[in-house]
Amino acid sequence: MGMISIFLSGMMGWFEPISKVFAEWNSAVESHVPLFKEILYWVIGLQLLHAGVSALLDKTNTNRLGSGLFWILSGVTFIGGSFIPPLYIGILICLIGLLTLFKQVKTGDLPEVDQEKAEENAQKFGNKIFIPVLMLGFVAMIVGLTFESLSAVSVGLGAFVGTLCVLWITRSKPSDLLASNSRMVQQVSTTGILPQLLAALGAIFTAAGVGEVISSIIGGLVPADSRFFGVVAYVLGMVIFTMIMGNAFAAFTVITAGVGVPFVFALGADPYIAGALAMTAGFCGTLMTPMAGNFNALPAALLEMKDEYKVIKEQIPVALIMVVVHVVLMYVLAF
């Protein structure tokens, strides 16, 4: 036991200066986080601008003007979001919405993937092609855990490293990314900006006091001192509101403020456990709604499915089972 104590003391002696170094690095980079965010916004904006210009120049697109404007205006909101007044950004968002409403966003004859070449590359690269995707998640996790201040941009940094891996593995030129960028952005179409719009809508709902309204409605239906019914209301509230919003992150702030805090947390639930389970319960709603464009509409579009709701239909049974599981887990583990 004495030797173990000495060993552990020595290890703690090594870890202490290392943790101090990481704390100093974290403090040093914290002041640069706004710059990192701005760079990422500019990169995304330039991608959208490139797609917009490509759409404008595509003579095979019968709605090339509307399609080009849609992506160009979207790019401007990312690039100019920090210095363009909110009123004008709102006007641009409304114009983007009108272009979508009147079906002015279409795709022309995009360059098709050469199936023979794709098959040849699949044989050539094998499982190496998964390295960039894994690196994206790995880098994002390591950066987020190591430098807390960089957690907001960790996914962007992971995507940058993943892109470098793609170029290295395939021996492609950076210019090769441009054609793929335009093809993917236009193929995803308006679904691509749905998560941002839904997240913004969630913030608007919270600021408008929707959570308080929901709380007053739930208060008339759920016994104030019942942990079980509070958990059921919290889980189902996340599922249903996520189905409406299409985004669990947008629903979380509203439902947590309106249901989680007064009917679950106030009764002694651990906010970390209950909050985490509420978020994943919202993902059950994501599986069952066409509003979740990035999860449901996007795969159907990319795979060119005849039934655009086929993905949702296959996911509904699993989602309903997981809703019940979440109720049980939250009731058992959070209290």
Protein backbone atom coordinates (compact mmCIF):
# COMPACT_ATOMS: atom_id res chain seq x y z
CA MET A 1 0.00 0.00 0.00
CA GLY A 2 2.89 2.30 0.83
CA MET A 3 4.44 1.78 -2.62
CA ILE A 4 1.07 2.41 -4.31
CA SER A 5 0.64 5.64 -2.36
CA ILE A 6 4.12 6.79 -3.38
CA PHE A 7 3.42 5.89 -7.02
CA LEU A 8 0.10 7.75 -7.05
CA SER A 9 1.66 10.76 -5.36
CA GLY A 10 4.37 10.79 -8.01
CA MET A 11 1.81 10.57 -10.79
CA MET A 12 -0.17 13.44 -9.31
CA GLY A 13 3.04 15.40 -9.17
CA TRP A 14 3.48 14.87 -12.91
CA PHE A 15 -0.15 15.65 -13.77
CA GLU A 16 -0.32 18.89 -11.79
CA PRO A 17 2.17 20.88 -13.93
CA ILE A 18 0.67 19.39 -17.12
CA SER A 19 -2.81 20.51 -16.07
CA LYS A 20 -1.43 23.98 -15.35
CA VAL A 21 0.07 24.12 -18.84
CA PHE A 22 -3.27 23.17 -20.41
CA ALA A 23 -5.03 25.76 -18.26
CA GLU A 24 -2.59 28.43 -19.47
CA TRP A 25 -3.04 27.37 -23.12
CA ASN A 26 -6.80 27.41 -22.71
CA SER A 27 -6.63 30.91 -21.28
CA ALA A 28 -4.31 32.03 -24.08
CA VAL A 29 -6.55 30.81 -26.91
CA GLU A 30 -9.78 32.01 -25.29
CA SER A 31 -9.26 35.55 -26.54
CA HIS A 32 -8.88 34.23 -30.11
CA VAL A 33 -12.13 32.21 -30.15
CA PRO A 34 -14.15 35.04 -31.80
CA LEU A 35 -11.55 35.17 -34.58
CA PHE A 36 -11.71 31.39 -35.07
CA LYS A 37 -15.51 31.57 -35.27
CA GLU A 38 -15.34 34.38 -37.80
CA ILE A 39 -12.93 32.39 -39.97
CA LEU A 40 -15.28 29.40 -39.95
CA TYR A 41 -18.25 31.60 -40.86
CA TRP A 42 -16.26 33.05 -43.75
CA VAL A 43 -15.27 29.59 -45.00
CA ILE A 44 -18.92 28.45 -44.95
CA GLY A 45 -20.00 31.72 -46.57
CA LEU A 46 -17.45 31.38 -49.36
CA GLN A 47 -18.61 27.82 -50.00
CA LEU A 48 -22.18 29.05 -50.40
CA LEU A 49 -21.10 31.97 -52.58
CA HIS A 50 -19.23 29.58 -54.86
CA ALA A 51 -22.32 27.38 -55.14
CA GLY A 52 -24.40 30.47 -55.91
CA VAL A 53 -22.11 31.68 -58.67
CA SER A 54 -21.98 28.16 -60.12
CA ALA A 55 -25.78 28.06 -60.14
CA LEU A 56 -25.96 31.46 -61.87
CA LEU A 57 -23.61 30.27 -64.60
CA ASP A 58 -25.43 26.95 -65.07
CA LYS A 59 -27.41 27.42 -68.31
CA THR A 60 -29.11 24.03 -67.82
CA ASN A 61 -30.86 25.36 -64.70
CA THR A 62 -34.22 26.86 -65.68
CA ASN A 63 -34.28 28.81 -62.39
CA ARG A 64 -30.62 29.74 -62.26
CA LEU A 65 -31.32 33.32 -61.15
CA GLY A 66 -33.40 32.26 -58.14
CA SER A 67 -31.05 29.41 -57.28
CA GLY A 68 -27.98 31.61 -57.54
CA LEU A 69 -29.55 34.35 -55.40
CA PHE A 70 -30.59 31.83 -52.77
CA TRP A 71 -27.04 30.57 -52.19
CA ILE A 72 -25.40 33.98 -52.59
CA LEU A 73 -27.72 35.56 -50.01
CA SER A 74 -27.12 32.61 -47.70
CA GLY A 75 -23.37 33.11 -48.05
CA VAL A 76 -23.70 36.83 -47.31
CA THR A 77 -25.50 36.08 -44.01
CA PHE A 78 -22.57 33.92 -42.90
CA ILE A 79 -19.86 36.33 -44.03
CA GLY A 80 -21.57 39.54 -42.93
CA GLY A 81 -23.39 38.29 -39.83
CA SER A 82 -20.97 40.04 -37.48
CA PHE A 83 -21.14 43.52 -39.00
CA ILE A 84 -24.37 43.73 -41.04
CA PRO A 85 -27.19 45.12 -38.83
CA PRO A 86 -29.65 42.42 -37.65
CA LEU A 87 -32.53 44.16 -39.48
CA TYR A 88 -30.83 43.70 -42.84
CA ILE A 89 -29.86 40.11 -42.04
CA GLY A 90 -33.54 39.52 -41.25
CA ILE A 91 -34.53 40.99 -44.61
CA LEU A 92 -32.06 38.69 -46.37
CA ILE A 93 -33.52 35.69 -44.50
CA CYS A 94 -37.02 36.73 -45.61
CA LEU A 95 -35.84 36.97 -49.23
CA ILE A 96 -34.31 33.49 -48.92
CA GLY A 97 -37.64 32.24 -47.57
CA LEU A 98 -39.57 33.83 -50.43
CA LEU A 99 -37.29 32.23 -53.01
CA THR A 100 -38.02 28.86 -51.38
CA LEU A 101 -41.75 29.55 -51.05
CA PHE A 102 -42.13 30.34 -54.74
CA LYS A 103 -39.99 27.32 -55.72
CA GLN A 104 -37.24 29.37 -57.34
CA VAL A 105 -34.45 27.12 -56.07
CA LYS A 106 -33.74 24.25 -58.44
CA THR A 107 -30.80 22.16 -59.54
CA GLY A 108 -29.48 22.03 -63.08
CA ASP A 109 -27.50 19.24 -64.68
CA LEU A 110 -24.85 18.67 -62.04
CA PRO A 111 -21.72 16.69 -62.92
CA GLU A 112 -22.54 13.04 -62.33
CA VAL A 113 -20.20 10.72 -60.49
CA ASP A 114 -18.39 8.34 -62.81
CA GLN A 115 -19.54 4.98 -61.44
CA GLU A 116 -16.61 3.04 -62.93
CA LYS A 117 -14.13 5.49 -61.46
CA ALA A 118 -15.99 5.44 -58.14
CA GLU A 119 -15.79 1.64 -58.06
CA GLU A 120 -12.11 1.76 -58.95
CA ASN A 121 -11.42 4.25 -56.17
CA ALA A 122 -13.42 2.15 -53.70
CA GLN A 123 -11.17 -0.81 -54.45
CA LYS A 124 -8.07 1.37 -54.34
CA PHE A 125 -8.68 3.19 -51.06
CA GLY A 126 -10.74 0.59 -49.22
CA ASN A 127 -11.44 1.45 -45.60
CA LYS A 128 -9.00 4.37 -45.72
CA ILE A 129 -11.86 6.50 -47.02
CA PHE A 130 -13.39 6.42 -43.52
CA ILE A 131 -10.31 8.05 -41.96
CA PRO A 132 -11.36 11.66 -42.76
CA VAL A 133 -14.80 11.17 -41.17
CA LEU A 134 -13.30 9.55 -38.08
CA MET A 135 -10.68 12.29 -37.85
CA LEU A 136 -13.42 14.94 -37.90
CA GLY A 137 -15.08 13.45 -34.82
CA PHE A 138 -11.79 12.57 -33.10
CA VAL A 139 -10.26 16.03 -33.52
CA ALA A 140 -13.51 17.73 -32.47
CA MET A 141 -13.65 15.61 -29.31
CA ILE A 142 -9.99 16.09 -28.38
CA VAL A 143 -10.06 19.85 -29.00
CA GLY A 144 -13.34 20.24 -27.10
CA LEU A 145 -12.06 18.27 -24.10
CA THR A 146 -8.57 19.77 -24.06
CA PHE A 147 -9.42 23.39 -24.77
CA GLU A 148 -12.82 24.18 -23.31
CA SER A 149 -12.81 27.64 -24.86
CA LEU A 150 -12.50 26.09 -28.34
CA SER A 151 -15.48 23.75 -27.96
CA ALA A 152 -17.64 26.10 -30.05
CA VAL A 153 -15.32 25.70 -33.05
CA SER A 154 -14.08 22.15 -32.45
CA VAL A 155 -16.28 20.62 -35.18
CA GLY A 156 -15.02 23.20 -37.68
CA LEU A 157 -11.42 22.40 -36.79
CA GLY A 158 -12.22 18.69 -37.10
CA ALA A 159 -13.72 19.30 -40.55
CA PHE A 160 -10.56 21.14 -41.61
CA VAL A 161 -8.36 18.24 -40.51
CA GLY A 162 -10.73 15.78 -42.18
CA THR A 163 -10.51 17.74 -45.45
CA LEU A 164 -6.71 17.62 -45.32
CA CYS A 165 -6.95 13.85 -44.82
CA VAL A 166 -9.17 13.57 -47.91
CA LEU A 167 -6.62 15.44 -50.01
CA TRP A 168 -3.77 13.35 -48.64
CA ILE A 169 -5.46 9.96 -49.05
CA THR A 170 -6.84 10.62 -52.54
CA ARG A 171 -3.85 12.68 -53.69
CA SER A 172 -6.33 15.26 -55.00
CA LYS A 173 -5.73 18.94 -55.61
CA PRO A 174 -7.47 21.58 -53.44
CA SER A 175 -9.15 22.85 -56.62
CA ASP A 176 -10.90 19.47 -56.93
CA LEU A 177 -12.92 20.40 -53.86
CA LEU A 178 -14.70 23.22 -55.70
CA ALA A 179 -16.67 21.03 -58.12
CA SER A 180 -17.68 18.71 -55.29
CA ASN A 181 -18.66 21.68 -53.13
CA SER A 182 -21.04 23.08 -55.76
CA ARG A 183 -22.52 19.67 -56.51
CA MET A 184 -23.14 18.74 -52.87
CA VAL A 185 -24.51 22.14 -51.82
CA GLN A 186 -26.97 22.29 -54.72
CA GLN A 187 -27.94 18.62 -54.39
CA VAL A 188 -28.74 19.08 -50.71
CA SER A 189 -30.64 22.21 -51.77
CA THR A 190 -32.71 24.24 -49.28
CA THR A 191 -32.53 21.43 -46.70
CA GLY A 192 -28.95 22.51 -46.04
CA ILE A 193 -29.91 25.68 -44.17
CA LEU A 194 -32.83 24.16 -42.26
CA PRO A 195 -30.86 23.38 -39.05
CA GLN A 196 -29.65 26.99 -38.74
CA LEU A 197 -33.13 28.39 -39.28
CA LEU A 198 -34.70 25.99 -36.77
CA ALA A 199 -32.05 26.75 -34.15
CA ALA A 200 -32.71 30.47 -34.61
CA LEU A 201 -36.44 29.81 -34.33
CA GLY A 202 -35.85 28.02 -31.02
CA ALA A 203 -34.02 31.06 -29.67
CA ILE A 204 -36.89 33.30 -30.80
CA PHE A 205 -39.44 31.03 -29.10
CA THR A 206 -37.47 31.13 -25.86
CA ALA A 207 -37.16 34.93 -25.95
CA ALA A 208 -40.87 35.22 -26.72
CA GLY A 209 -41.78 33.27 -23.57
CA VAL A 210 -43.13 30.13 -25.24
CA GLY A 211 -41.61 28.08 -22.42
CA GLU A 212 -43.71 29.93 -19.87
CA VAL A 213 -46.86 29.30 -21.90
CA ILE A 214 -46.05 25.58 -22.14
CA SER A 215 -45.35 25.51 -18.39
CA SER A 216 -48.77 26.98 -17.62
CA ILE A 217 -50.48 24.44 -19.91
CA ILE A 218 -48.58 21.48 -18.44
CA GLY A 219 -49.29 22.77 -14.93
CA GLY A 220 -52.98 22.19 -15.50
CA LEU A 221 -52.43 18.61 -16.67
CA VAL A 222 -49.55 17.22 -14.60
CA PRO A 223 -49.66 16.87 -10.79
CA ALA A 224 -47.04 19.24 -9.39
CA ASP A 225 -45.62 16.64 -6.97
CA SER A 226 -45.53 13.63 -9.32
CA ARG A 227 -42.06 12.67 -10.45
CA PHE A 228 -43.34 10.07 -12.91
CA PHE A 229 -45.78 12.33 -14.72
CA GLY A 230 -43.21 15.13 -14.68
CA VAL A 231 -40.71 12.81 -16.41
CA VAL A 232 -43.35 11.70 -18.94
CA ALA A 233 -44.23 15.33 -19.68
CA TYR A 234 -40.54 16.27 -20.07
CA VAL A 235 -39.73 13.36 -22.41
CA LEU A 236 -42.89 13.67 -24.51
CA GLY A 237 -42.53 17.45 -24.58
CA MET A 238 -39.04 17.09 -26.04
CA VAL A 239 -40.21 14.49 -28.56
CA ILE A 240 -43.26 16.44 -29.74
CA PHE A 241 -41.61 19.86 -29.81
CA THR A 242 -38.61 18.43 -31.66
CA MET A 243 -40.99 17.01 -34.26
CA ILE A 244 -42.47 20.48 -34.66
CA MET A 245 -39.15 22.31 -34.69
CA GLY A 246 -37.17 19.62 -36.49
CA ASN A 247 -34.25 20.19 -34.15
CA ALA A 248 -33.72 18.88 -30.61
CA PHE A 249 -31.35 21.74 -29.79
CA ALA A 250 -34.03 24.27 -30.64
CA ALA A 251 -36.61 22.40 -28.55
CA PHE A 252 -34.33 21.83 -25.55
CA THR A 253 -34.21 25.39 -24.22
CA VAL A 254 -37.97 25.87 -24.58
CA ILE A 255 -39.06 22.54 -23.04
CA THR A 256 -36.41 22.56 -20.31
CA ALA A 257 -37.45 26.03 -19.21
CA GLY A 258 -41.16 25.25 -19.43
CA VAL A 259 -41.30 21.62 -18.25
CA GLY A 260 -37.91 20.34 -17.08
CA VAL A 261 -37.17 22.96 -14.46
CA PRO A 262 -40.59 23.22 -12.72
CA PHE A 263 -41.75 19.60 -13.05
CA VAL A 264 -38.54 17.53 -12.95
CA PHE A 265 -35.55 19.47 -11.61
CA ALA A 266 -37.63 21.09 -8.86
CA LEU A 267 -38.55 17.62 -7.56
CA GLY A 268 -34.89 16.70 -7.02
CA ALA A 269 -33.78 15.28 -10.37
CA ASP A 270 -30.11 15.50 -11.24
CA PRO A 271 -30.06 18.21 -13.96
CA TYR A 272 -27.07 16.66 -15.72
CA ILE A 273 -28.66 13.21 -16.07
CA ALA A 274 -32.19 14.46 -16.75
CA GLY A 275 -30.95 17.13 -19.18
CA ALA A 276 -28.82 14.66 -21.14
CA LEU A 277 -31.69 12.18 -21.40
CA ALA A 278 -34.08 14.96 -22.42
CA MET A 279 -31.77 15.88 -25.29
CA THR A 280 -31.54 12.30 -26.56
CA ALA A 281 -35.32 11.97 -26.11
CA GLY A 282 -35.60 14.89 -28.49
CA PHE A 283 -33.57 12.92 -31.01
CA CYS A 284 -36.35 10.29 -30.91
CA GLY A 285 -38.61 13.03 -32.25
CA THR A 286 -36.00 13.85 -34.87
CA LEU A 287 -36.36 10.33 -36.25
CA MET A 288 -40.10 10.83 -36.83
CA THR A 289 -40.36 14.22 -38.52
CA PRO A 290 -39.80 15.50 -42.06
CA MET A 291 -38.77 18.81 -40.46
CA ALA A 292 -35.41 17.20 -39.57
CA GLY A 293 -34.05 17.79 -43.02
CA ASN A 294 -30.45 16.85 -42.29
CA PHE A 295 -31.51 13.44 -40.88
CA ASN A 296 -34.53 12.48 -42.96
CA ALA A 297 -35.05 14.62 -46.05
CA LEU A 298 -31.35 14.79 -46.92
CA PRO A 299 -30.73 11.01 -47.13
CA ALA A 300 -33.88 10.59 -49.21
CA ALA A 301 -32.69 13.31 -51.60
CA LEU A 302 -29.12 12.02 -51.89
CA LEU A 303 -30.26 8.42 -52.41
CA GLU A 304 -32.98 9.58 -54.84
CA MET A 305 -35.67 7.56 -53.06
CA LYS A 306 -39.08 7.37 -54.71
CA ASP A 307 -40.76 7.60 -51.31
CA GLU A 308 -39.41 10.73 -49.62
CA TYR A 309 -40.79 9.55 -46.26
CA LYS A 310 -39.29 6.06 -46.43
CA VAL A 311 -36.49 6.93 -43.99
CA ILE A 312 -38.99 8.17 -41.41
CA LYS A 313 -41.26 5.13 -41.81
CA GLU A 314 -38.35 2.80 -41.09
CA GLN A 315 -37.27 4.79 -38.03
CA ILE A 316 -40.65 5.25 -36.30
CA PRO A 317 -40.80 1.80 -34.55
CA VAL A 318 -37.31 2.23 -33.10
CA ALA A 319 -38.07 5.82 -32.05
CA LEU A 320 -41.25 4.84 -30.18
CA ILE A 321 -39.41 2.10 -28.29
CA MET A 322 -36.66 4.55 -27.36
CA VAL A 323 -39.23 7.06 -26.06
CA VAL A 324 -40.40 4.48 -23.51
CA VAL A 325 -36.80 3.62 -22.66
CA HIS A 326 -36.06 7.30 -22.00
CA VAL A 327 -38.99 7.62 -19.62
CA VAL A 328 -37.75 4.62 -17.63
CA LEU A 329 -34.11 5.76 -17.61
CA MET A 330 -34.91 9.31 -16.53
CA TYR A 331 -37.25 8.14 -13.76
CA VAL A 332 -34.75 5.58 -12.44
CA LEU A 333 -31.42 7.35 -12.92
CA ALA A 334 -32.19 11.05 -12.45
CA PHE A 335 -33.67 10.78 -8.93
